[in-house]
């Protein structure tokens, strides 16, 4: 999964654009177990894209998933990324994002939305952004972000020290109310083995900071540091955070979706 980001140089908007805290009306979304919404979007080869949208649902703690499949001219899948987000407050909109790089053979991306439970869902502000990964593009992107939002984070740090939080292949971050914030992410076996969905360490070393840096050529790293209040799961690999901390993450994602590129660190004993 590419970590590079930059200027928006291609943008497709469906429905309305969104600003932090702005009300949305959205369009009805018929999704649930075995029922999905799909859309095909042409993309360029050997390019990095950010796919983002906003969802709302009527069921507390329902989980909505966004997957992006990269297809070649024969319709065969040559790449995929998938993220999940829990619906906490039915009155609130939640961002979903995926960042992915297209191989040489790819000509189309298939976006799929589904949910683990049937309910009333709405979606809005789908954007597909081709990213300028040049140093100048990255610099301009972040200058605009800070000018617009003031405070912007490049990654998430969960301090699980003293809680018995353990390393794992499929870690999650959930709120004390049960809302899934991060996890259940589908990535390639090679990515999980070689990079991992979370970086681990006993303290914030320079090596760990590289996980949340914008780019090697532009090493900006601004962590959102939050404490785990408990762990869950038989394997003790899932971090539980307060509902207030969960809201901090969701607010930060409205400015920049660092979860879309797995910019997450767990501090463990």
Foldseek 3Di string as FASTA:
>chain_A
DDLAFFAFPDKDFDADADAQPDDDDFDWAFAEVVRKDKDKDWDAAQFKKKKKKKKAWDDAFKKKKKKKFFAFPVRDTDFMKMWIWTHHDNRDIFMDMAMDTHHNRTTMIMIMMHIHHGGIMGMGTIIMGTGDRDPVRHVVVVVVLCVVPVDAAQAEEEEEEPAPADDDLWEFEAEPVGTTQGTPIDHDPCCSVPPNLAAEEQDDDPVLQQLRANDPVHRDGGYDYFYFPHADDPVRNYGYGHPVVSVVLRSNVSSPNNSNSSSYYYNYD
